[in-house]
Amino acid sequence: MADSAKLQLYSYWRSSSSHRVRIVLNLKGLEYEYKPVNLLKNEQSSPEFAKLNPLKYVPVLVDGDAVIADSFVITLYLEDKYPEHPLLPKDLKNKALNLQVASIVGSSIQPLHNLGVLNYIEGKLNSDAKVAWAQYHINYGFEALEKLLKDVAGKFATSDEAQLADAFLAPQILTASRFEIDMGRYPTLARLKEAYDEHPAFIAALPINQPDAPTSS
């Protein structure tokens, strides 16, 4: 196992951006200290957290004197510093595919239905508009991902091994269930979810398995 004892991850249990970083850390076999940030209590706006990330978003990774915010940047940092379990293939075409999938999720789907955006829409309009907005953008992105992966996916998104694309896909597919997305429209993505549901690194990263997740009474 790589020497990663100094890693700290500032995370929120239900944040899909934090979720994808947890998957990467698990796939690479890296130990880390979990630092919860309660978004519903606005802890991300505290002066202490704002020093780590002026945008006041989770996740943030602290690695010694390195402080890295943004989940995409964190995953690339981990890939470079801890290459023992690579998540980006050497084949340039497949590497580009992994990065493209991650970019679609991280740039064209998730930011359009994050907590701040949905709260803003609900405040300006109503809760029905909020849900419709999220459904539209998730479906739009999923249509592209289904076309992109249907002829190339193995057991996982781009091969028979879990790679970077899967770390971004798994949280987004899980989030889709909160907005009642019909996964029957996306058979490739639905099949990938079955693989994620059986993989220990993905199971350990699930929101419900985080220390700050609410406990059921």
C-alpha atoms as a PDB file:
ATOM      1  CA  MET A   1       0.000   0.000   0.000  1.00  0.00           C
ATOM      2  CA  ALA A   2       1.274   3.461  -0.852  1.00  0.00           C
ATOM      3  CA  ASP A   3       2.379   5.772   1.941  1.00  0.00           C
ATOM      4  CA  SER A   4      -0.748   7.888   2.148  1.00  0.00           C
ATOM      5  CA  ALA A   5      -1.194   8.260   5.908  1.00  0.00           C
ATOM      6  CA  LYS A   6      -1.249  12.049   5.634  1.00  0.00           C
ATOM      7  CA  LEU A   7      -4.178  12.162   3.203  1.00  0.00           C
ATOM      8  CA  GLN A   8      -7.269  13.991   4.439  1.00  0.00           C
ATOM      9  CA  LEU A   9     -10.520  14.208   2.494  1.00  0.00           C
ATOM     10  CA  TYR A  10     -13.034  16.946   3.279  1.00  0.00           C
ATOM     11  CA  SER A  11     -16.283  15.361   2.190  1.00  0.00           C
ATOM     12  CA  TYR A  12     -20.042  15.345   2.562  1.00  0.00           C
ATOM     13  CA  TRP A  13     -21.719  11.963   2.589  1.00  0.00           C
ATOM     14  CA  ARG A  14     -24.262  12.772  -0.128  1.00  0.00           C
ATOM     15  CA  SER A  15     -22.014  14.864  -2.372  1.00  0.00           C
ATOM     16  CA  SER A  16     -21.522  13.032  -5.666  1.00  0.00           C
ATOM     17  CA  SER A  17     -18.291  14.977  -6.243  1.00  0.00           C
ATOM     18  CA  SER A  18     -16.948  13.693  -2.927  1.00  0.00           C
ATOM     19  CA  HIS A  19     -18.298  10.241  -3.738  1.00  0.00           C
ATOM     20  CA  ARG A  20     -16.225   9.953  -6.916  1.00  0.00           C
ATOM     21  CA  VAL A  21     -13.034  10.869  -5.048  1.00  0.00           C
ATOM     22  CA  ARG A  22     -13.782   8.254  -2.383  1.00  0.00           C
ATOM     23  CA  ILE A  23     -14.067   5.656  -5.141  1.00  0.00           C
ATOM     24  CA  VAL A  24     -10.704   6.667  -6.585  1.00  0.00           C
ATOM     25  CA  LEU A  25      -9.048   6.505  -3.173  1.00  0.00           C
ATOM     26  CA  ASN A  26     -10.536   3.065  -2.576  1.00  0.00           C
ATOM     27  CA  LEU A  27      -9.590   1.723  -5.996  1.00  0.00           C
ATOM     28  CA  LYS A  28      -6.026   2.835  -5.386  1.00  0.00           C
ATOM     29  CA  GLY A  29      -5.976   1.297  -1.917  1.00  0.00           C
ATOM     30  CA  LEU A  30      -5.183   4.600  -0.233  1.00  0.00           C
ATOM     31  CA  GLU A  31      -5.993   5.204   3.412  1.00  0.00           C
ATOM     32  CA  TYR A  32      -7.267   8.631   4.330  1.00  0.00           C
ATOM     33  CA  GLU A  33      -8.811  10.600   7.159  1.00  0.00           C
ATOM     34  CA  TYR A  34     -12.431  11.530   6.538  1.00  0.00           C
ATOM     35  CA  LYS A  35     -13.215  15.152   7.423  1.00  0.00           C
ATOM     36  CA  PRO A  36     -16.991  15.746   7.264  1.00  0.00           C
ATOM     37  CA  VAL A  37     -18.369  19.050   6.011  1.00  0.00           C
ATOM     38  CA  ASN A  38     -22.121  19.399   6.511  1.00  0.00           C
ATOM     39  CA  LEU A  39     -23.459  21.246   3.486  1.00  0.00           C
ATOM     40  CA  LEU A  40     -26.968  21.511   4.933  1.00  0.00           C
ATOM     41  CA  LYS A  41     -25.527  23.410   7.906  1.00  0.00           C
ATOM     42  CA  ASN A  42     -23.479  25.595   5.544  1.00  0.00           C
ATOM     43  CA  GLU A  43     -20.208  24.461   7.090  1.00  0.00           C
ATOM     44  CA  GLN A  44     -18.562  24.913   3.680  1.00  0.00           C
ATOM     45  CA  SER A  45     -18.902  28.671   4.183  1.00  0.00           C
ATOM     46  CA  SER A  46     -16.917  28.731   7.412  1.00  0.00           C
ATOM     47  CA  PRO A  47     -13.725  30.823   7.349  1.00  0.00           C
ATOM     48  CA  GLU A  48     -11.660  27.716   8.074  1.00  0.00           C
ATOM     49  CA  PHE A  49     -13.014  25.788   5.098  1.00  0.00           C
ATOM     50  CA  ALA A  50     -12.878  28.814   2.807  1.00  0.00           C
ATOM     51  CA  LYS A  51      -9.123  28.890   3.389  1.00  0.00           C
ATOM     52  CA  LEU A  52      -8.943  25.406   1.894  1.00  0.00           C
ATOM     53  CA  ASN A  53     -11.259  26.140  -1.027  1.00  0.00           C
ATOM     54  CA  PRO A  54     -12.337  29.720  -1.754  1.00  0.00           C
ATOM     55  CA  LEU A  55     -15.198  28.359  -3.876  1.00  0.00           C
ATOM     56  CA  LYS A  56     -16.564  26.718  -0.707  1.00  0.00           C
ATOM     57  CA  TYR A  57     -17.226  23.364  -2.380  1.00  0.00           C
ATOM     58  CA  VAL A  58     -16.380  19.830  -1.348  1.00  0.00           C
ATOM     59  CA  PRO A  59     -14.346  17.770  -1.871  1.00  0.00           C
ATOM     60  CA  VAL A  60     -10.956  19.031  -0.822  1.00  0.00           C
ATOM     61  CA  LEU A  61      -7.927  16.749  -0.522  1.00  0.00           C
ATOM     62  CA  VAL A  62      -5.058  17.642   1.795  1.00  0.00           C
ATOM     63  CA  ASP A  63      -1.824  15.758   1.142  1.00  0.00           C
ATOM     64  CA  GLY A  64       0.861  17.155   3.415  1.00  0.00           C
ATOM     65  CA  ASP A  65       1.356  20.734   2.309  1.00  0.00           C
ATOM     66  CA  ALA A  66      -0.673  20.217  -0.879  1.00  0.00           C
ATOM     67  CA  VAL A  67      -4.316  21.350  -0.791  1.00  0.00           C
ATOM     68  CA  ILE A  68      -6.315  20.330  -3.865  1.00  0.00           C
ATOM     69  CA  ALA A  69      -9.928  21.231  -4.560  1.00  0.00           C
ATOM     70  CA  ASP A  70     -12.207  20.095  -7.429  1.00  0.00           C
ATOM     71  CA  SER A  71     -12.876  16.394  -7.807  1.00  0.00           C
ATOM     72  CA  PHE A  72     -11.486  16.153 -11.351  1.00  0.00           C
ATOM     73  CA  VAL A  73      -8.216  17.788 -10.319  1.00  0.00           C
ATOM     74  CA  ILE A  74      -8.017  15.604  -7.204  1.00  0.00           C
ATOM     75  CA  THR A  75      -8.405  12.409  -9.208  1.00  0.00           C
ATOM     76  CA  LEU A  76      -5.692  13.448 -11.668  1.00  0.00           C
ATOM     77  CA  TYR A  77      -3.409  14.394  -8.770  1.00  0.00           C
ATOM     78  CA  LEU A  78      -3.931  10.987  -7.166  1.00  0.00           C
ATOM     79  CA  GLU A  79      -3.339   9.262 -10.499  1.00  0.00           C
ATOM     80  CA  ASP A  80       0.009  11.026 -10.887  1.00  0.00           C
ATOM     81  CA  LYS A  81       1.225  10.704  -7.309  1.00  0.00           C
ATOM     82  CA  TYR A  82      -0.027   7.188  -6.601  1.00  0.00           C
ATOM     83  CA  PRO A  83       0.344   5.285  -9.906  1.00  0.00           C
ATOM     84  CA  GLU A  84       0.436   1.790  -8.374  1.00  0.00           C
ATOM     85  CA  HIS A  85      -3.180   1.094  -9.341  1.00  0.00           C
ATOM     86  CA  PRO A  86      -3.635   3.153 -12.521  1.00  0.00           C
ATOM     87  CA  LEU A  87      -7.114   4.354 -13.423  1.00  0.00           C
ATOM     88  CA  LEU A  88      -6.167   5.845 -16.771  1.00  0.00           C
ATOM     89  CA  PRO A  89      -5.037   3.351 -19.445  1.00  0.00           C
ATOM     90  CA  LYS A  90      -1.841   3.835 -21.443  1.00  0.00           C
ATOM     91  CA  ASP A  91      -3.765   3.454 -24.697  1.00  0.00           C
ATOM     92  CA  LEU A  92      -4.399   7.039 -25.745  1.00  0.00           C
ATOM     93  CA  LYS A  93      -7.788   6.348 -27.312  1.00  0.00           C
ATOM     94  CA  ASN A  94      -9.081   4.618 -24.197  1.00  0.00           C
ATOM     95  CA  LYS A  95      -7.506   7.242 -21.969  1.00  0.00           C
ATOM     96  CA  ALA A  96      -9.317   9.961 -23.898  1.00  0.00           C
ATOM     97  CA  LEU A  97     -12.589   8.044 -23.567  1.00  0.00           C
ATOM     98  CA  ASN A  98     -12.182   7.853 -19.792  1.00  0.00           C
ATOM     99  CA  LEU A  99     -11.486  11.561 -19.594  1.00  0.00           C
ATOM    100  CA  GLN A 100     -14.414  12.334 -21.872  1.00  0.00           C
ATOM    101  CA  VAL A 101     -16.845  10.359 -19.718  1.00  0.00           C
ATOM    102  CA  ALA A 102     -15.508  12.012 -16.580  1.00  0.00           C
ATOM    103  CA  SER A 103     -15.819  15.423 -18.199  1.00  0.00           C
ATOM    104  CA  ILE A 104     -19.413  14.829 -19.309  1.00  0.00           C
ATOM    105  CA  VAL A 105     -20.409  13.900 -15.770  1.00  0.00           C
ATOM    106  CA  GLY A 106     -18.274  16.510 -14.059  1.00  0.00           C
ATOM    107  CA  SER A 107     -19.014  19.400 -16.402  1.00  0.00           C
ATOM    108  CA  SER A 108     -22.263  18.774 -18.262  1.00  0.00           C
ATOM    109  CA  ILE A 109     -24.470  16.883 -15.791  1.00  0.00           C
ATOM    110  CA  GLN A 110     -23.657  17.140 -12.086  1.00  0.00           C
ATOM    111  CA  PRO A 111     -22.982  20.899 -11.828  1.00  0.00           C
ATOM    112  CA  LEU A 112     -26.377  21.605 -13.373  1.00  0.00           C
ATOM    113  CA  HIS A 113     -28.244  19.851 -10.561  1.00  0.00           C
ATOM    114  CA  ASN A 114     -26.027  20.444  -7.554  1.00  0.00           C
ATOM    115  CA  LEU A 115     -27.464  21.708  -4.286  1.00  0.00           C
ATOM    116  CA  GLY A 116     -26.871  25.396  -4.951  1.00  0.00           C
ATOM    117  CA  VAL A 117     -28.441  25.327  -8.415  1.00  0.00           C
ATOM    118  CA  LEU A 118     -31.511  23.390  -7.294  1.00  0.00           C
ATOM    119  CA  ASN A 119     -32.050  25.619  -4.274  1.00  0.00           C
ATOM    120  CA  TYR A 120     -31.855  28.672  -6.513  1.00  0.00           C
ATOM    121  CA  ILE A 121     -34.393  27.263  -8.990  1.00  0.00           C
ATOM    122  CA  GLU A 122     -36.766  26.218  -6.207  1.00  0.00           C
ATOM    123  CA  GLY A 123     -36.519  29.684  -4.679  1.00  0.00           C
ATOM    124  CA  LYS A 124     -37.205  31.439  -7.981  1.00  0.00           C
ATOM    125  CA  LEU A 125     -39.875  28.989  -9.189  1.00  0.00           C
ATOM    126  CA  ASN A 126     -40.993  25.915  -7.244  1.00  0.00           C
ATOM    127  CA  SER A 127     -40.037  22.350  -6.309  1.00  0.00           C
ATOM    128  CA  ASP A 128     -41.636  20.861  -9.428  1.00  0.00           C
ATOM    129  CA  ALA A 129     -39.486  23.094 -11.618  1.00  0.00           C
ATOM    130  CA  LYS A 130     -36.439  22.026  -9.638  1.00  0.00           C
ATOM    131  CA  VAL A 131     -37.097  18.342 -10.295  1.00  0.00           C
ATOM    132  CA  ALA A 132     -37.914  18.892 -13.963  1.00  0.00           C
ATOM    133  CA  TRP A 133     -34.674  20.845 -14.412  1.00  0.00           C
ATOM    134  CA  ALA A 134     -32.612  18.042 -12.858  1.00  0.00           C
ATOM    135  CA  GLN A 135     -34.363  15.349 -14.888  1.00  0.00           C
ATOM    136  CA  TYR A 136     -33.796  17.219 -18.141  1.00  0.00           C
ATOM    137  CA  HIS A 137     -30.068  17.637 -17.634  1.00  0.00           C
ATOM    138  CA  ILE A 138     -29.487  14.116 -16.314  1.00  0.00           C
ATOM    139  CA  ASN A 139     -31.382  12.568 -19.225  1.00  0.00           C
ATOM    140  CA  TYR A 140     -29.564  14.779 -21.720  1.00  0.00           C
ATOM    141  CA  GLY A 141     -26.197  13.651 -20.389  1.00  0.00           C
ATOM    142  CA  PHE A 142     -27.213  10.004 -20.035  1.00  0.00           C
ATOM    143  CA  GLU A 143     -28.341   9.888 -23.659  1.00  0.00           C
ATOM    144  CA  ALA A 144     -24.849  10.948 -24.707  1.00  0.00           C
ATOM    145  CA  LEU A 145     -23.122   8.527 -22.333  1.00  0.00           C
ATOM    146  CA  GLU A 146     -25.267   5.600 -23.467  1.00  0.00           C
ATOM    147  CA  LYS A 147     -24.334   6.239 -27.095  1.00  0.00           C
ATOM    148  CA  LEU A 148     -20.691   6.697 -26.204  1.00  0.00           C
ATOM    149  CA  LEU A 149     -20.346   3.480 -24.218  1.00  0.00           C
ATOM    150  CA  LYS A 150     -22.825   0.958 -25.617  1.00  0.00           C
ATOM    151  CA  ASP A 151     -20.373  -0.549 -28.121  1.00  0.00           C
ATOM    152  CA  VAL A 152     -17.187  -0.289 -26.050  1.00  0.00           C
ATOM    153  CA  ALA A 153     -18.117  -1.144 -22.461  1.00  0.00           C
ATOM    154  CA  GLY A 154     -16.814  -4.344 -20.919  1.00  0.00           C
ATOM    155  CA  LYS A 155     -17.721  -5.375 -17.408  1.00  0.00           C
ATOM    156  CA  PHE A 156     -17.069  -1.742 -16.584  1.00  0.00           C
ATOM    157  CA  ALA A 157     -17.429   1.419 -18.649  1.00  0.00           C
ATOM    158  CA  THR A 158     -14.305   1.211 -20.808  1.00  0.00           C
ATOM    159  CA  SER A 159     -12.813  -2.206 -20.026  1.00  0.00           C
ATOM    160  CA  ASP A 160     -13.180  -5.206 -17.754  1.00  0.00           C
ATOM    161  CA  GLU A 161     -11.442  -3.266 -14.974  1.00  0.00           C
ATOM    162  CA  ALA A 162     -12.812  -0.259 -13.113  1.00  0.00           C
ATOM    163  CA  GLN A 163     -11.190   2.925 -14.364  1.00  0.00           C
ATOM    164  CA  LEU A 164     -11.594   6.675 -13.992  1.00  0.00           C
ATOM    165  CA  ALA A 165     -14.791   6.789 -16.046  1.00  0.00           C
ATOM    166  CA  ASP A 166     -16.455   4.435 -13.568  1.00  0.00           C
ATOM    167  CA  ALA A 167     -15.517   6.594 -10.592  1.00  0.00           C
ATOM    168  CA  PHE A 168     -17.493   9.451 -12.157  1.00  0.00           C
ATOM    169  CA  LEU A 169     -20.341   7.361 -13.533  1.00  0.00           C
ATOM    170  CA  ALA A 170     -21.247   5.427 -10.390  1.00  0.00           C
ATOM    171  CA  PRO A 171     -22.217   8.440  -8.231  1.00  0.00           C
ATOM    172  CA  GLN A 172     -24.114  10.044 -11.093  1.00  0.00           C
ATOM    173  CA  ILE A 173     -26.130   6.888 -11.765  1.00  0.00           C
ATOM    174  CA  LEU A 174     -26.909   6.622  -8.050  1.00  0.00           C
ATOM    175  CA  THR A 175     -28.000  10.264  -7.944  1.00  0.00           C
ATOM    176  CA  ALA A 176     -30.300   9.666 -10.903  1.00  0.00           C
ATOM    177  CA  SER A 177     -32.467   7.418  -8.739  1.00  0.00           C
ATOM    178  CA  ARG A 178     -33.251  10.400  -6.477  1.00  0.00           C
ATOM    179  CA  PHE A 179     -34.831  12.117  -9.471  1.00  0.00           C
ATOM    180  CA  GLU A 180     -36.720   9.040 -10.694  1.00  0.00           C
ATOM    181  CA  ILE A 181     -34.765   8.710 -13.931  1.00  0.00           C
ATOM    182  CA  ASP A 182     -35.972   5.766 -16.029  1.00  0.00           C
ATOM    183  CA  MET A 183     -32.802   3.694 -16.353  1.00  0.00           C
ATOM    184  CA  GLY A 184     -34.587   1.387 -18.795  1.00  0.00           C
ATOM    185  CA  ARG A 185     -33.730   4.011 -21.388  1.00  0.00           C
ATOM    186  CA  TYR A 186     -30.034   3.418 -20.694  1.00  0.00           C
ATOM    187  CA  PRO A 187     -29.321  -0.331 -20.664  1.00  0.00           C
ATOM    188  CA  THR A 188     -25.546   0.057 -20.732  1.00  0.00           C
ATOM    189  CA  LEU A 189     -25.527   2.411 -17.769  1.00  0.00           C
ATOM    190  CA  ALA A 190     -27.985   0.187 -15.905  1.00  0.00           C
ATOM    191  CA  ARG A 191     -25.714  -2.824 -16.448  1.00  0.00           C
ATOM    192  CA  LEU A 192     -22.717  -0.882 -15.186  1.00  0.00           C
ATOM    193  CA  LYS A 193     -24.586  -0.054 -11.982  1.00  0.00           C
ATOM    194  CA  GLU A 194     -24.884  -3.784 -11.312  1.00  0.00           C
ATOM    195  CA  ALA A 195     -21.093  -4.103 -11.521  1.00  0.00           C
ATOM    196  CA  TYR A 196     -20.607  -1.141  -9.199  1.00  0.00           C
ATOM    197  CA  ASP A 197     -23.045  -2.609  -6.687  1.00  0.00           C
ATOM    198  CA  GLU A 198     -20.813  -5.699  -6.388  1.00  0.00           C
ATOM    199  CA  HIS A 199     -17.373  -4.039  -6.231  1.00  0.00           C
ATOM    200  CA  PRO A 200     -15.916  -3.539  -2.725  1.00  0.00           C
ATOM    201  CA  ALA A 201     -14.290  -0.176  -3.552  1.00  0.00           C
ATOM    202  CA  PHE A 202     -17.606   1.192  -4.810  1.00  0.00           C
ATOM    203  CA  ILE A 203     -19.581  -0.277  -1.918  1.00  0.00           C
ATOM    204  CA  ALA A 204     -17.254   1.280   0.665  1.00  0.00           C
ATOM    205  CA  ALA A 205     -17.606   4.674  -1.053  1.00  0.00           C
ATOM    206  CA  LEU A 206     -21.416   4.693  -1.006  1.00  0.00           C
ATOM    207  CA  PRO A 207     -23.013   7.668   0.753  1.00  0.00           C
ATOM    208  CA  ILE A 208     -24.808   5.468   3.272  1.00  0.00           C
ATOM    209  CA  ASN A 209     -21.469   3.972   4.347  1.00  0.00           C
ATOM    210  CA  GLN A 210     -19.850   7.292   5.292  1.00  0.00           C
ATOM    211  CA  PRO A 211     -19.323   8.335   8.920  1.00  0.00           C
ATOM    212  CA  ASP A 212     -21.429  11.478   8.511  1.00  0.00           C
ATOM    213  CA  ALA A 213     -24.394   9.707   6.929  1.00  0.00           C
ATOM    214  CA  PRO A 214     -27.574   9.959   9.019  1.00  0.00           C
ATOM    215  CA  THR A 215     -28.347   6.847  11.026  1.00  0.00           C
ATOM    216  CA  SER A 216     -31.809   5.358  10.736  1.00  0.00           C
ATOM    217  CA  SER A 217     -33.788   5.130  13.944  1.00  0.00           C
END
